């Protein structure tokens, strides 16, 4: 049996596998290859949508189905392993949110595209630069199953990373939206706070932990190890057999720490932490 044969390792992407400006440190890529070459099973478990994930699928080596939409979808190439779309009427749901919070941005994340419901400064530039499929909604058009509703604050340039921080007033407005959406749509949805000024709304029951455990069961792996940094990673981290957090993560006070994301946090887990736990 190879060194890591019993282990499924699932990691968040932004600010866990990547550094603080969105690039994946070479140290992490080398560590992932080493892990897989020695029998380990690895995948990314991200809140990003499938249309947003081309960069991940092109650049990150994986040998297990890719998990995205905060656990709402598992996909292996073109083959959907499982998916959990939101069970709400699309037009009515989005109209209510947009009318209640006209100062916030709302877009829909489907399997093949993102659909906007109002023009957003910088957004088209952002998507065009990253070759994502994005367009503004047309009334009464069927966009197929929707996996995530993204509600977020003002974009002041074409980098989405700015929504990870904000003024107290901006953050409070997103707090208000989180409370209202939860109360209005009840047991049909679950909300993850992906950043200070961004909400991810999913079908009830969706979580990174549910997806990771379902994948673990399908693959027959004995140990689940997870790495994440943010609020939307909490279910995955709390539900793992072993969980780790970059020391600069927003939930770093709750889990064993590895180095900051800029220094290759996932590599730290592979090279230093997993060998320790295998000796227990």
Protein backbone atom coordinates (compact mmCIF):
# COMPACT_ATOMS: atom_id res chain seq x y z
CA UNK A 1 0.00 0.00 0.00
CA UNK A 2 1.32 3.46 -0.92
CA UNK A 3 2.02 6.05 1.77
CA UNK A 4 -1.16 8.14 1.30
CA UNK A 5 -3.55 5.47 -0.08
CA UNK A 6 -6.09 5.85 2.73
CA UNK A 7 -6.46 9.62 2.41
CA UNK A 8 -8.85 11.90 0.56
CA UNK A 9 -7.55 15.48 0.76
CA UNK A 10 -9.99 18.24 -0.21
CA UNK A 11 -8.94 21.88 -0.06
CA UNK A 12 -10.55 25.26 -0.60
CA UNK A 13 -9.18 27.29 -3.51
CA UNK A 14 -9.10 31.04 -2.79
CA UNK A 15 -6.66 32.01 -0.04
CA UNK A 16 -6.08 28.37 0.86
CA UNK A 17 -4.60 26.76 -2.24
CA UNK A 18 -3.90 30.21 -3.71
CA UNK A 19 -1.89 32.99 -2.15
CA UNK A 20 -3.48 36.26 -1.03
CA UNK A 21 -3.54 37.69 -4.57
CA UNK A 22 -5.02 34.67 -6.31
CA UNK A 23 -2.00 32.75 -7.67
CA UNK A 24 -1.26 29.15 -6.69
CA UNK A 25 2.24 28.89 -5.15
CA UNK A 26 4.48 26.46 -7.02
CA UNK A 27 5.23 24.76 -3.71
CA UNK A 28 1.58 23.72 -3.45
CA UNK A 29 1.51 22.28 -6.97
CA UNK A 30 4.67 20.27 -6.34
CA UNK A 31 3.26 18.95 -3.06
CA UNK A 32 -0.02 17.87 -4.68
CA UNK A 33 1.86 15.92 -7.35
CA UNK A 34 3.99 14.26 -4.67
CA UNK A 35 0.85 13.39 -2.67
CA UNK A 36 -0.89 11.78 -5.66
CA UNK A 37 2.25 9.95 -6.81
CA UNK A 38 2.34 8.34 -3.37
CA UNK A 39 -1.23 7.07 -3.45
CA UNK A 40 -3.14 10.09 -2.16
CA UNK A 41 -6.49 11.21 -3.59
CA UNK A 42 -6.80 14.97 -4.04
CA UNK A 43 -9.42 17.45 -5.16
CA UNK A 44 -10.39 21.09 -4.81
CA UNK A 45 -13.57 21.88 -2.83
CA UNK A 46 -14.51 25.47 -3.69
CA UNK A 47 -17.39 27.90 -3.44
CA UNK A 48 -16.68 28.99 -7.00
CA UNK A 49 -19.05 28.06 -9.79
CA UNK A 50 -18.17 25.73 -12.64
CA UNK A 51 -17.95 28.62 -15.16
CA UNK A 52 -15.53 30.37 -12.77
CA UNK A 53 -13.35 27.31 -12.38
CA UNK A 54 -11.59 26.95 -15.72
CA UNK A 55 -8.40 28.29 -14.18
CA UNK A 56 -8.54 25.64 -11.44
CA UNK A 57 -9.26 22.77 -13.81
CA UNK A 58 -6.47 23.85 -16.17
CA UNK A 59 -3.75 24.44 -13.59
CA UNK A 60 -4.33 22.25 -10.53
CA UNK A 61 -3.62 18.51 -10.70
CA UNK A 62 -6.49 16.41 -9.30
CA UNK A 63 -7.29 12.70 -9.33
CA UNK A 64 -10.83 12.85 -7.92
CA UNK A 65 -14.04 14.59 -9.01
CA UNK A 66 -13.95 18.38 -8.67
CA UNK A 67 -16.24 19.87 -5.99
CA UNK A 68 -17.69 23.35 -6.55
CA UNK A 69 -20.64 25.60 -5.58
CA UNK A 70 -19.75 24.98 -1.91
CA UNK A 71 -20.47 21.29 -2.39
CA UNK A 72 -23.48 21.71 -4.67
CA UNK A 73 -21.84 19.88 -7.58
CA UNK A 74 -19.31 17.09 -8.09
CA UNK A 75 -18.06 16.68 -11.65
CA UNK A 76 -15.44 14.49 -13.32
CA UNK A 77 -14.67 15.79 -16.79
CA UNK A 78 -18.09 16.02 -18.45
CA UNK A 79 -19.68 13.55 -16.04
CA UNK A 80 -21.82 15.01 -13.23
CA UNK A 81 -21.46 12.78 -10.17
CA UNK A 82 -24.06 14.65 -8.09
CA UNK A 83 -25.71 18.08 -8.03
CA UNK A 84 -28.08 19.97 -5.73
CA UNK A 85 -29.83 22.91 -7.45
CA UNK A 86 -31.92 25.47 -5.55
CA UNK A 87 -35.60 24.49 -5.38
CA UNK A 88 -37.18 27.95 -5.72
CA UNK A 89 -38.91 29.78 -8.61
CA UNK A 90 -36.10 31.66 -10.32
CA UNK A 91 -37.70 34.92 -11.45
CA UNK A 92 -39.69 35.52 -8.28
CA UNK A 93 -36.74 34.76 -6.00
CA UNK A 94 -34.32 37.05 -7.80
CA UNK A 95 -36.89 39.84 -8.19
CA UNK A 96 -37.58 39.89 -4.45
CA UNK A 97 -33.89 40.11 -3.56
CA UNK A 98 -33.17 42.83 -6.13
CA UNK A 99 -36.16 44.92 -5.02
CA UNK A 100 -35.26 44.65 -1.34
CA UNK A 101 -31.56 45.40 -1.84
CA UNK A 102 -31.19 47.57 -4.95
CA UNK A 103 -27.80 48.80 -3.72
CA UNK A 104 -26.34 45.28 -3.71
CA UNK A 105 -25.43 43.17 -6.73
CA UNK A 106 -27.13 39.87 -7.46
CA UNK A 107 -26.17 37.26 -9.99
CA UNK A 108 -27.14 33.68 -10.69
CA UNK A 109 -24.60 30.89 -11.06
CA UNK A 110 -25.80 28.11 -13.33
CA UNK A 111 -23.92 25.14 -14.73
CA UNK A 112 -22.81 26.90 -17.90
CA UNK A 113 -22.94 30.65 -17.24
CA UNK A 114 -23.43 33.46 -14.76
CA UNK A 115 -26.52 35.58 -15.28
CA UNK A 116 -26.67 39.17 -14.02
CA UNK A 117 -29.86 40.92 -13.01
CA UNK A 118 -28.58 44.47 -13.20
CA UNK A 119 -25.55 46.06 -14.87
CA UNK A 120 -22.52 46.04 -12.56
CA UNK A 121 -19.58 48.37 -13.08
CA UNK A 122 -16.40 46.41 -13.93
CA UNK A 123 -18.24 43.09 -14.04
CA UNK A 124 -18.18 42.58 -17.79
CA UNK A 125 -14.48 43.51 -17.79
CA UNK A 126 -13.86 41.02 -14.99
CA UNK A 127 -15.57 38.18 -16.82
CA UNK A 128 -14.11 38.99 -20.22
CA UNK A 129 -10.57 39.00 -18.82
CA UNK A 130 -11.13 35.55 -17.32
CA UNK A 131 -13.10 34.17 -20.29
CA UNK A 132 -16.16 33.39 -18.17
CA UNK A 133 -19.59 33.10 -19.78
CA UNK A 134 -21.67 36.00 -18.42
CA UNK A 135 -24.72 37.90 -19.66
CA UNK A 136 -27.63 39.98 -18.38
CA UNK A 137 -30.92 38.20 -17.81
CA UNK A 138 -33.83 38.33 -20.21
CA UNK A 139 -37.37 38.14 -18.83
CA UNK A 140 -39.03 34.72 -18.84
CA UNK A 141 -35.98 32.94 -20.25
CA UNK A 142 -35.24 29.48 -18.85
CA UNK A 143 -31.68 29.35 -17.54
CA UNK A 144 -31.88 25.76 -16.38
CA UNK A 145 -31.06 24.61 -12.85
CA UNK A 146 -29.43 27.27 -10.73
CA UNK A 147 -26.80 26.22 -8.24
CA UNK A 148 -26.00 29.45 -6.43
CA UNK A 149 -27.24 33.01 -5.96
CA UNK A 150 -24.39 35.43 -5.33
CA UNK A 151 -25.23 38.63 -3.43
CA UNK A 152 -22.34 41.05 -3.08
CA UNK A 153 -21.36 44.65 -2.47
CA UNK A 154 -20.06 47.31 -4.82
CA UNK A 155 -17.15 46.45 -7.10
CA UNK A 156 -14.77 49.37 -7.43
CA UNK A 157 -12.41 47.66 -9.87
CA UNK A 158 -12.34 44.38 -11.79
CA UNK A 159 -10.94 42.31 -8.94
CA UNK A 160 -13.45 40.27 -6.95
CA UNK A 161 -11.02 39.98 -4.03
CA UNK A 162 -12.12 43.40 -2.76
CA UNK A 163 -15.38 41.90 -1.45
CA UNK A 164 -13.38 40.09 1.22
CA UNK A 165 -13.23 43.39 3.11
CA UNK A 166 -15.35 46.53 3.47
CA UNK A 167 -16.33 49.45 5.66
CA UNK A 168 -18.44 48.72 8.76
CA UNK A 169 -21.46 50.20 6.97
CA UNK A 170 -20.95 48.03 3.88
CA UNK A 171 -20.53 44.88 5.95
CA UNK A 172 -23.63 45.74 8.01
CA UNK A 173 -25.69 46.05 4.82
CA UNK A 174 -24.65 42.55 3.75
CA UNK A 175 -25.46 41.34 7.28
CA UNK A 176 -28.96 42.75 6.78
CA UNK A 177 -29.31 40.97 3.44
CA UNK A 178 -28.17 37.68 4.95
CA UNK A 179 -30.79 37.91 7.70
CA UNK A 180 -33.62 38.88 5.33
CA UNK A 181 -32.85 36.21 2.72
CA UNK A 182 -32.66 33.54 5.41
CA UNK A 183 -35.99 34.60 6.92
CA UNK A 184 -37.75 35.02 3.56
CA UNK A 185 -36.77 31.77 1.87
CA UNK A 186 -36.62 29.63 5.00
CA UNK A 187 -35.89 25.95 4.75
CA UNK A 188 -35.31 26.03 0.98
CA UNK A 189 -31.85 27.57 1.22
CA UNK A 190 -28.62 27.80 3.18
CA UNK A 191 -26.32 30.84 3.16
CA UNK A 192 -22.54 30.83 3.38
CA UNK A 193 -20.60 34.03 4.07
CA UNK A 194 -17.75 33.67 1.60
CA UNK A 195 -16.33 37.10 2.49
CA UNK A 196 -17.15 40.30 4.34
CA UNK A 197 -19.33 41.58 1.49
CA UNK A 198 -20.43 38.45 -0.36
CA UNK A 199 -23.15 35.88 0.31
CA UNK A 200 -23.43 32.48 -1.37
CA UNK A 201 -27.03 31.20 -1.35
CA UNK A 202 -27.49 27.47 -2.02
CA UNK A 203 -30.06 24.70 -1.74
CA UNK A 204 -30.74 23.62 1.82
CA UNK A 205 -28.39 20.84 2.87
CA UNK A 206 -25.55 21.84 0.57
CA UNK A 207 -22.15 22.06 2.23
CA UNK A 208 -18.53 21.34 1.47
CA UNK A 209 -18.58 18.69 4.18
CA UNK A 210 -21.56 16.84 2.71
CA UNK A 211 -19.86 16.77 -0.69
CA UNK A 212 -16.50 15.68 0.73
CA UNK A 213 -18.05 12.89 2.78
CA UNK A 214 -20.17 11.70 -0.15
CA UNK A 215 -17.07 11.62 -2.33
CA UNK A 216 -15.08 9.84 0.38
CA UNK A 217 -17.76 7.14 0.58
CA UNK A 218 -17.85 6.68 -3.20
CA UNK A 219 -14.06 6.39 -3.37
CA UNK A 220 -13.74 4.16 -0.32
CA UNK A 221 -11.15 6.30 1.46
CA UNK A 222 -10.65 5.81 5.20
CA UNK A 223 -9.44 9.30 6.20
CA UNK A 224 -10.78 12.72 5.16
CA UNK A 225 -8.35 15.64 5.51
CA UNK A 226 -9.58 19.16 4.70
CA UNK A 227 -7.94 22.58 4.45
CA UNK A 228 -9.81 25.90 4.35
CA UNK A 229 -9.68 29.48 5.52
CA UNK A 230 -13.13 31.10 5.57
CA UNK A 231 -16.67 30.92 6.96
CA UNK A 232 -17.95 28.86 4.03
CA UNK A 233 -15.27 26.27 4.84
CA UNK A 234 -16.52 25.72 8.39
CA UNK A 235 -18.80 22.74 7.65
CA UNK A 236 -15.96 21.01 5.80
CA UNK A 237 -13.40 21.74 8.50
CA UNK A 238 -15.69 20.81 11.38
CA UNK A 239 -16.77 17.60 9.65
CA UNK A 240 -13.32 16.37 8.57
CA UNK A 241 -11.33 13.69 10.32
CA UNK A 242 -8.44 16.16 10.33
CA UNK A 243 -8.71 19.86 9.48
CA UNK A 244 -6.13 22.60 9.01
CA UNK A 245 -6.26 26.32 8.32
CA UNK A 246 -3.70 28.78 6.97
CA UNK A 247 -2.55 30.92 9.88
CA UNK A 248 -3.91 34.04 8.13
CA UNK A 249 -7.35 32.51 7.50
CA UNK A 250 -10.45 34.15 8.94
CA UNK A 251 -11.27 30.99 10.93
CA UNK A 252 -7.67 30.27 11.96
CA UNK A 253 -8.53 30.55 15.66
CA UNK A 254 -10.69 27.40 15.45
CA UNK A 255 -8.36 24.83 13.86
CA UNK A 256 -4.72 23.71 13.83
CA UNK A 257 -2.70 26.19 11.79
CA UNK A 258 -0.19 25.77 9.01
CA UNK A 259 1.82 28.53 7.31
CA UNK A 260 0.10 31.57 5.70
CA UNK A 261 -1.43 31.02 2.27
CA UNK A 262 1.35 33.03 0.61
CA UNK A 263 3.89 30.43 1.77
CA UNK A 264 2.11 27.31 0.51
CA UNK A 265 -0.36 26.21 3.18
CA UNK A 266 -1.49 23.06 1.34
CA UNK A 267 2.13 21.96 0.92
CA UNK A 268 2.61 22.38 4.67
CA UNK A 269 -0.30 20.00 5.27
CA UNK A 270 1.04 17.41 2.82
CA UNK A 271 4.70 17.54 3.82
CA UNK A 272 4.36 18.13 7.57
CA UNK A 273 0.89 17.40 8.97
CA UNK A 274 -0.32 14.31 7.11
CA UNK A 275 2.84 12.28 7.89
CA UNK A 276 2.29 13.09 11.59
CA UNK A 277 -1.33 11.95 11.60
CA UNK A 278 -0.44 8.71 9.83
CA UNK A 279 1.82 7.83 12.76
CA UNK A 280 -0.98 8.19 15.32
